[in-house]
Amino acid sequence: MKSRTNAKPDSDDDQNRLAVLIDADNAQPSVIEGLLAEVAKYGVASVKRIYGDFTSQNQSQWKRMLLKFSINPVQQFAYTSGKNATDSSLIIDAMDLMYTRRFDGFCLVSSDSDFTRLAQRLREEGCTVYGFGERKTPDAFVQACDKFIYTEVLRADPALGKEGAAPAPPVRVERKPDAKPATKPEGKAGNRGAPPAPPMAKRPPPSPPPSAADESSSRTAAPLPLPLELIRQAIEEASDEQGWAQLGAVGTYLTKIRPDFDPRLYGHRKLSDLLRKHPKHFEVEERGAAAGKVLYVRLA
């Protein structure tokens, strides 16, 4: 940002420098790959830190992710039972990084409302705040961010089709036991003429109960109903005298009034795909040459 006193290197002039701070107690390892890919859309993750008590068995899955994705762990012991020291450590580091004036934005990864005031303070300083959390995240934290992305969408994103449809439920395939050749029954002479008994099917060993992380990673984001009134309001605010509004301006307005607005929540990758799927309500038009096409939308 222009208000920053320290200049960026020439290679980073066209990208924002971001600090990614992860609360290991309120985030799932299964979303980290999609999360970092999402962060890359907004800038360069110059700092990637995760906070938690990694001596605990609950963080064993996170330990396998740290080296793979080059995330710096910040060990935080639980000094008192029932108290969360991780939040305080993350908040202190965020403020220290903010005062270096080297970052354009912060990515706060947590579903905890305790970071609401931190998000507000970072924005007051001129930093852009991107929040990442589950749908259970309190609305106060969601509204305190410039942009909020639900991690369920990041899990479901690779399974979306070309049209952006919601992922289909997994098909359950039952395995048939392998047939064994019939063996000649042994026993008394009177039983020699009896038909051979059918082979006994081997039962597969019982699978261990799924852990909380496994259950969380198996959840996918079910499409939400279309927020028709919200989109109508955005188009009306950005439209000209003929009722046409540039699609980019509509998307910007939607994010300003609802930081958690995301077309993927409604089963589509892009806002244009979402609007095209509802021709009864919206008209989408392309204008300009092939190299510089601009999309416009108006109410049908």
Protein backbone atom coordinates (compact mmCIF):
# COMPACT_ATOMS: atom_id res chain seq x y z
CA MET A 1 0.00 0.00 0.00
CA LYS A 2 1.10 3.57 -0.54
CA SER A 3 1.00 4.31 3.17
CA ARG A 4 3.72 1.76 3.86
CA THR A 5 7.08 3.36 4.67
CA ASN A 6 9.22 0.39 3.62
CA ALA A 7 9.34 -0.15 -0.12
CA LYS A 8 8.78 -3.63 -1.52
CA PRO A 9 11.35 -5.41 -3.63
CA ASP A 10 10.93 -4.88 -7.36
CA SER A 11 9.75 -8.48 -7.83
CA ASP A 12 6.84 -7.91 -5.44
CA ASP A 13 5.64 -4.55 -6.76
CA ASP A 14 2.61 -6.07 -8.45
CA GLN A 15 1.58 -8.35 -5.59
CA ASN A 16 0.42 -7.79 -2.05
CA ARG A 17 2.51 -9.19 0.76
CA LEU A 18 0.38 -11.23 3.15
CA ALA A 19 0.90 -12.78 6.57
CA VAL A 20 -0.95 -16.07 7.05
CA LEU A 21 -1.63 -16.79 10.73
CA ILE A 22 -3.33 -20.12 11.55
CA ASP A 23 -5.02 -21.07 14.80
CA ALA A 24 -4.36 -24.82 14.97
CA ASP A 25 -7.03 -25.26 17.65
CA ASN A 26 -9.76 -23.95 15.33
CA ALA A 27 -8.66 -25.05 11.85
CA GLN A 28 -8.46 -28.42 10.11
CA PRO A 29 -5.34 -29.74 8.33
CA SER A 30 -7.48 -31.09 5.50
CA VAL A 31 -8.09 -27.59 4.10
CA ILE A 32 -4.54 -26.26 4.10
CA GLU A 33 -3.78 -27.02 0.44
CA GLY A 34 -6.93 -25.34 -0.84
CA LEU A 35 -6.49 -22.52 1.65
CA LEU A 36 -2.99 -21.62 0.46
CA ALA A 37 -4.18 -21.81 -3.14
CA GLU A 38 -6.93 -19.33 -2.23
CA VAL A 39 -4.42 -17.05 -0.49
CA ALA A 40 -2.33 -16.99 -3.69
CA LYS A 41 -5.24 -15.23 -5.45
CA TYR A 42 -4.80 -12.21 -3.21
CA GLY A 43 -1.01 -11.97 -2.95
CA VAL A 44 2.20 -13.59 -1.77
CA ALA A 45 2.20 -15.40 1.57
CA SER A 46 5.45 -13.89 2.88
CA VAL A 47 4.82 -15.26 6.37
CA LYS A 48 3.09 -18.55 7.19
CA ARG A 49 2.77 -19.35 10.88
CA ILE A 50 0.63 -21.78 12.83
CA TYR A 51 -0.03 -21.55 16.56
CA GLY A 52 -0.81 -24.42 18.89
CA ASP A 53 0.45 -26.97 21.40
CA PHE A 54 2.18 -29.43 19.10
CA THR A 55 3.10 -31.71 21.99
CA SER A 56 -0.58 -32.63 22.14
CA GLN A 57 -1.84 -35.70 20.30
CA ASN A 58 -4.65 -33.59 18.86
CA GLN A 59 -2.15 -31.75 16.64
CA SER A 60 -0.52 -34.85 15.16
CA GLN A 61 -2.08 -34.30 11.74
CA TRP A 62 -0.88 -30.71 11.61
CA LYS A 63 2.70 -31.85 12.23
CA ARG A 64 2.67 -33.77 8.94
CA MET A 65 1.59 -30.64 7.05
CA LEU A 66 4.20 -28.21 8.36
CA LEU A 67 7.16 -29.36 6.27
CA LYS A 68 5.09 -30.06 3.17
CA PHE A 69 3.71 -26.52 2.99
CA SER A 70 6.61 -24.69 4.66
CA ILE A 71 4.57 -23.43 7.62
CA ASN A 72 6.49 -22.16 10.65
CA PRO A 73 5.06 -23.69 13.86
CA VAL A 74 4.84 -21.52 16.96
CA GLN A 75 4.72 -23.77 20.01
CA GLN A 76 2.35 -22.55 22.69
CA PHE A 77 1.94 -24.62 25.84
CA ALA A 78 -1.37 -24.60 27.68
CA TYR A 79 -0.35 -22.93 30.93
CA THR A 80 -3.76 -23.43 32.54
CA SER A 81 -6.36 -26.08 31.84
CA GLY A 82 -9.39 -24.67 30.05
CA LYS A 83 -7.60 -21.50 28.93
CA ASN A 84 -6.56 -20.90 25.33
CA ALA A 85 -3.09 -19.35 25.24
CA THR A 86 -2.87 -19.86 21.47
CA ASP A 87 -5.13 -16.87 20.76
CA SER A 88 -2.95 -14.49 22.77
CA SER A 89 0.22 -15.64 21.06
CA LEU A 90 -1.31 -15.20 17.59
CA ILE A 91 -2.65 -11.74 18.44
CA ILE A 92 0.72 -10.55 19.80
CA ASP A 93 2.54 -11.74 16.68
CA ALA A 94 -0.06 -10.13 14.40
CA MET A 95 0.43 -6.76 16.08
CA ASP A 96 4.22 -7.07 15.88
CA LEU A 97 4.01 -7.85 12.17
CA MET A 98 1.57 -4.99 11.61
CA TYR A 99 3.97 -2.45 13.13
CA THR A 100 6.77 -3.51 10.77
CA ARG A 101 4.72 -1.87 7.97
CA ARG A 102 5.87 -4.60 5.58
CA PHE A 103 2.52 -6.27 4.96
CA ASP A 104 -0.48 -5.24 2.89
CA GLY A 105 -2.83 -7.78 4.41
CA PHE A 106 -3.36 -10.56 6.94
CA CYS A 107 -5.02 -13.95 6.53
CA LEU A 108 -6.54 -15.06 9.84
CA VAL A 109 -7.41 -18.75 9.81
CA SER A 110 -9.80 -19.55 12.63
CA SER A 111 -13.49 -20.01 13.43
CA ASP A 112 -13.07 -18.26 16.78
CA SER A 113 -14.80 -14.95 17.44
CA ASP A 114 -11.95 -13.95 19.78
CA PHE A 115 -10.13 -12.56 16.73
CA THR A 116 -12.88 -10.06 15.93
CA ARG A 117 -11.11 -7.13 17.58
CA LEU A 118 -7.81 -8.11 15.98
CA ALA A 119 -9.40 -7.98 12.52
CA GLN A 120 -10.88 -4.58 13.29
CA ARG A 121 -7.55 -3.21 14.52
CA LEU A 122 -5.67 -4.45 11.45
CA ARG A 123 -8.20 -2.78 9.17
CA GLU A 124 -7.93 0.45 11.14
CA GLU A 125 -4.22 0.41 10.32
CA GLY A 126 -4.98 0.12 6.61
CA CYS A 127 -4.33 -3.61 6.20
CA THR A 128 -6.69 -5.86 4.26
CA VAL A 129 -7.98 -8.75 6.36
CA TYR A 130 -8.96 -12.09 4.82
CA GLY A 131 -10.71 -14.46 7.19
CA PHE A 132 -10.88 -18.23 6.78
CA GLY A 133 -13.14 -20.40 8.91
CA GLU A 134 -15.98 -22.90 8.99
CA ARG A 135 -19.63 -21.99 8.58
CA LYS A 136 -20.02 -22.07 12.35
CA THR A 137 -17.86 -18.91 12.55
CA PRO A 138 -19.73 -16.17 14.46
CA ASP A 139 -21.00 -13.38 12.24
CA ALA A 140 -19.13 -10.76 14.27
CA PHE A 141 -15.78 -12.12 13.10
CA VAL A 142 -17.05 -12.53 9.53
CA GLN A 143 -18.17 -8.90 9.34
CA ALA A 144 -14.90 -7.67 10.84
CA CYS A 145 -12.97 -8.98 7.79
CA ASP A 146 -12.74 -7.41 4.35
CA LYS A 147 -13.28 -10.84 2.81
CA PHE A 148 -14.26 -14.10 4.50
CA ILE A 149 -13.93 -17.53 2.88
CA TYR A 150 -15.60 -20.61 4.34
CA THR A 151 -13.23 -23.56 4.44
CA GLU A 152 -15.98 -26.01 3.47
CA VAL A 153 -15.90 -24.38 0.05
CA LEU A 154 -12.16 -25.00 -0.20
CA ARG A 155 -12.67 -28.71 0.48
CA ALA A 156 -15.42 -29.02 -2.11
CA ASP A 157 -13.72 -26.89 -4.78
CA PRO A 158 -11.65 -29.65 -6.49
CA ALA A 159 -14.79 -31.74 -6.95
CA LEU A 160 -16.73 -29.00 -8.73
CA GLY A 161 -17.45 -29.69 -12.37
CA LYS A 162 -16.90 -27.39 -15.31
CA GLU A 163 -20.30 -25.84 -14.77
CA GLY A 164 -19.55 -25.28 -11.11
CA ALA A 165 -22.16 -27.71 -9.90
CA ALA A 166 -22.07 -28.96 -6.36
CA PRO A 167 -20.17 -32.21 -5.80
CA ALA A 168 -22.27 -35.34 -6.01
CA PRO A 169 -22.44 -37.60 -2.96
CA PRO A 170 -19.99 -40.50 -3.02
CA VAL A 171 -21.31 -43.76 -4.45
CA ARG A 172 -21.10 -46.62 -2.05
CA VAL A 173 -19.91 -49.81 -3.70
CA GLU A 174 -20.39 -53.10 -1.91
CA ARG A 175 -17.65 -55.64 -2.38
CA LYS A 176 -18.67 -59.21 -3.07
CA PRO A 177 -16.70 -61.94 -1.31
CA ASP A 178 -14.37 -63.92 -3.53
CA ALA A 179 -15.85 -67.29 -4.40
CA LYS A 180 -13.89 -70.33 -3.28
CA PRO A 181 -13.84 -73.66 -5.09
CA ALA A 182 -16.10 -76.21 -3.50
CA THR A 183 -14.24 -78.81 -1.49
CA LYS A 184 -15.30 -82.40 -1.01
CA PRO A 185 -16.99 -82.70 2.38
CA GLU A 186 -15.36 -84.98 4.86
CA GLY A 187 -17.09 -86.97 7.50
CA LYS A 188 -19.19 -90.11 7.75
CA ALA A 189 -20.06 -92.20 4.74
CA GLY A 190 -23.70 -91.24 5.03
CA ASN A 191 -22.82 -87.61 4.35
CA ARG A 192 -20.77 -88.26 1.23
CA GLY A 193 -23.75 -87.76 -1.06
CA ALA A 194 -24.81 -84.46 0.54
CA PRO A 195 -24.20 -81.28 -1.48
CA PRO A 196 -21.17 -79.25 -0.38
CA ALA A 197 -21.83 -76.43 2.02
CA PRO A 198 -21.54 -72.94 0.51
CA PRO A 199 -18.23 -71.25 1.24
CA MET A 200 -18.23 -68.84 4.14
CA ALA A 201 -17.62 -65.23 3.10
CA LYS A 202 -14.82 -63.52 4.94
CA ARG A 203 -15.92 -60.47 6.82
CA PRO A 204 -13.67 -57.45 6.44
CA PRO A 205 -12.03 -56.28 9.66
CA PRO A 206 -13.97 -53.53 11.40
CA SER A 207 -12.71 -50.09 10.48
CA PRO A 208 -11.61 -47.82 13.30
CA PRO A 209 -13.99 -45.03 14.28
CA PRO A 210 -13.33 -41.84 12.31
CA SER A 211 -11.53 -39.10 14.12
CA ALA A 212 -12.89 -35.57 14.38
CA ALA A 213 -10.49 -34.41 11.69
CA ASP A 214 -11.57 -37.18 9.32
CA GLU A 215 -15.24 -36.34 9.82
CA SER A 216 -14.53 -32.67 9.20
CA SER A 217 -12.55 -33.37 6.03
CA SER A 218 -15.35 -35.54 4.63
CA ARG A 219 -17.88 -32.73 4.88
CA THR A 220 -18.62 -30.80 1.72
CA ALA A 221 -20.38 -27.51 1.33
CA ALA A 222 -24.01 -27.99 0.34
CA PRO A 223 -25.17 -25.21 -2.03
CA LEU A 224 -27.14 -22.44 -0.35
CA PRO A 225 -30.28 -20.85 -1.78
CA LEU A 226 -29.69 -17.93 -4.13
CA PRO A 227 -29.52 -14.58 -2.24
CA LEU A 228 -31.78 -12.91 -4.80
CA GLU A 229 -32.51 -9.70 -2.91
CA LEU A 230 -28.85 -9.17 -2.08
CA ILE A 231 -27.78 -9.48 -5.73
CA ARG A 232 -30.67 -7.28 -6.88
CA GLN A 233 -29.55 -4.57 -4.48
CA ALA A 234 -25.95 -4.78 -5.72
CA ILE A 235 -27.01 -4.48 -9.37
CA GLU A 236 -29.27 -1.51 -8.67
CA GLU A 237 -26.49 0.30 -6.79
CA ALA A 238 -23.96 -0.19 -9.61
CA SER A 239 -26.26 0.19 -12.63
CA ASP A 240 -26.44 3.03 -15.14
CA GLU A 241 -29.56 4.73 -16.52
CA GLN A 242 -30.34 1.72 -18.73
CA GLY A 243 -30.08 -0.65 -15.77
CA TRP A 244 -26.79 -2.27 -16.86
CA ALA A 245 -24.05 -2.73 -14.27
CA GLN A 246 -20.49 -3.87 -14.77
CA LEU A 247 -20.08 -7.32 -13.23
CA GLY A 248 -16.86 -6.38 -11.43
CA ALA A 249 -18.55 -3.48 -9.67
CA VAL A 250 -21.42 -5.77 -8.63
CA GLY A 251 -18.99 -8.27 -7.14
CA THR A 252 -17.15 -5.54 -5.26
CA TYR A 253 -20.38 -4.21 -3.79
CA LEU A 254 -21.47 -7.69 -2.72
CA THR A 255 -18.20 -8.24 -0.85
CA LYS A 256 -18.49 -4.88 0.88
CA ILE A 257 -21.93 -5.57 2.30
CA ARG A 258 -21.39 -9.31 2.83
CA PRO A 259 -17.70 -10.23 3.33
CA ASP A 260 -18.58 -13.93 3.19
CA PHE A 261 -20.33 -13.74 -0.19
CA ASP A 262 -18.83 -16.40 -2.46
CA PRO A 263 -20.38 -17.86 -5.65
CA ARG A 264 -19.01 -21.27 -4.62
CA LEU A 265 -21.43 -21.30 -1.70
CA TYR A 266 -24.21 -21.44 -4.30
CA GLY A 267 -22.65 -24.15 -6.47
CA HIS A 268 -20.69 -22.03 -9.01
CA ARG A 269 -17.07 -21.02 -9.39
CA LYS A 270 -17.71 -17.50 -10.69
CA LEU A 271 -20.34 -14.83 -10.21
CA SER A 272 -20.99 -14.77 -13.97
CA ASP A 273 -21.78 -18.51 -13.94
CA LEU A 274 -24.15 -18.01 -11.03
CA LEU A 275 -26.07 -15.22 -12.79
CA ARG A 276 -26.21 -17.05 -16.14
CA LYS A 277 -27.86 -19.99 -14.42
CA HIS A 278 -30.81 -17.78 -13.47
CA PRO A 279 -31.97 -16.12 -16.73
CA LYS A 280 -35.40 -15.46 -15.22
CA HIS A 281 -33.82 -12.94 -12.88
CA PHE A 282 -30.67 -11.67 -14.63
CA GLU A 283 -29.37 -10.81 -18.10
CA VAL A 284 -25.63 -11.12 -18.76
CA GLU A 285 -24.01 -9.43 -21.74
CA GLU A 286 -20.43 -9.35 -23.07
CA ARG A 287 -19.08 -6.09 -24.49
CA GLY A 288 -15.80 -5.13 -26.10
CA ALA A 289 -13.23 -6.90 -28.25
CA ALA A 290 -12.03 -10.43 -27.64
CA ALA A 291 -8.91 -9.23 -25.82
CA GLY A 292 -10.80 -6.89 -23.52
CA LYS A 293 -14.28 -8.26 -23.01
CA VAL A 294 -16.25 -6.82 -20.11
CA LEU A 295 -19.33 -8.47 -18.63
CA TYR A 296 -22.44 -6.47 -17.80
CA VAL A 297 -25.55 -7.57 -15.97
CA ARG A 298 -29.02 -6.20 -15.38
CA LEU A 299 -32.24 -7.35 -13.84
CA ALA A 300 -34.47 -9.35 -16.20
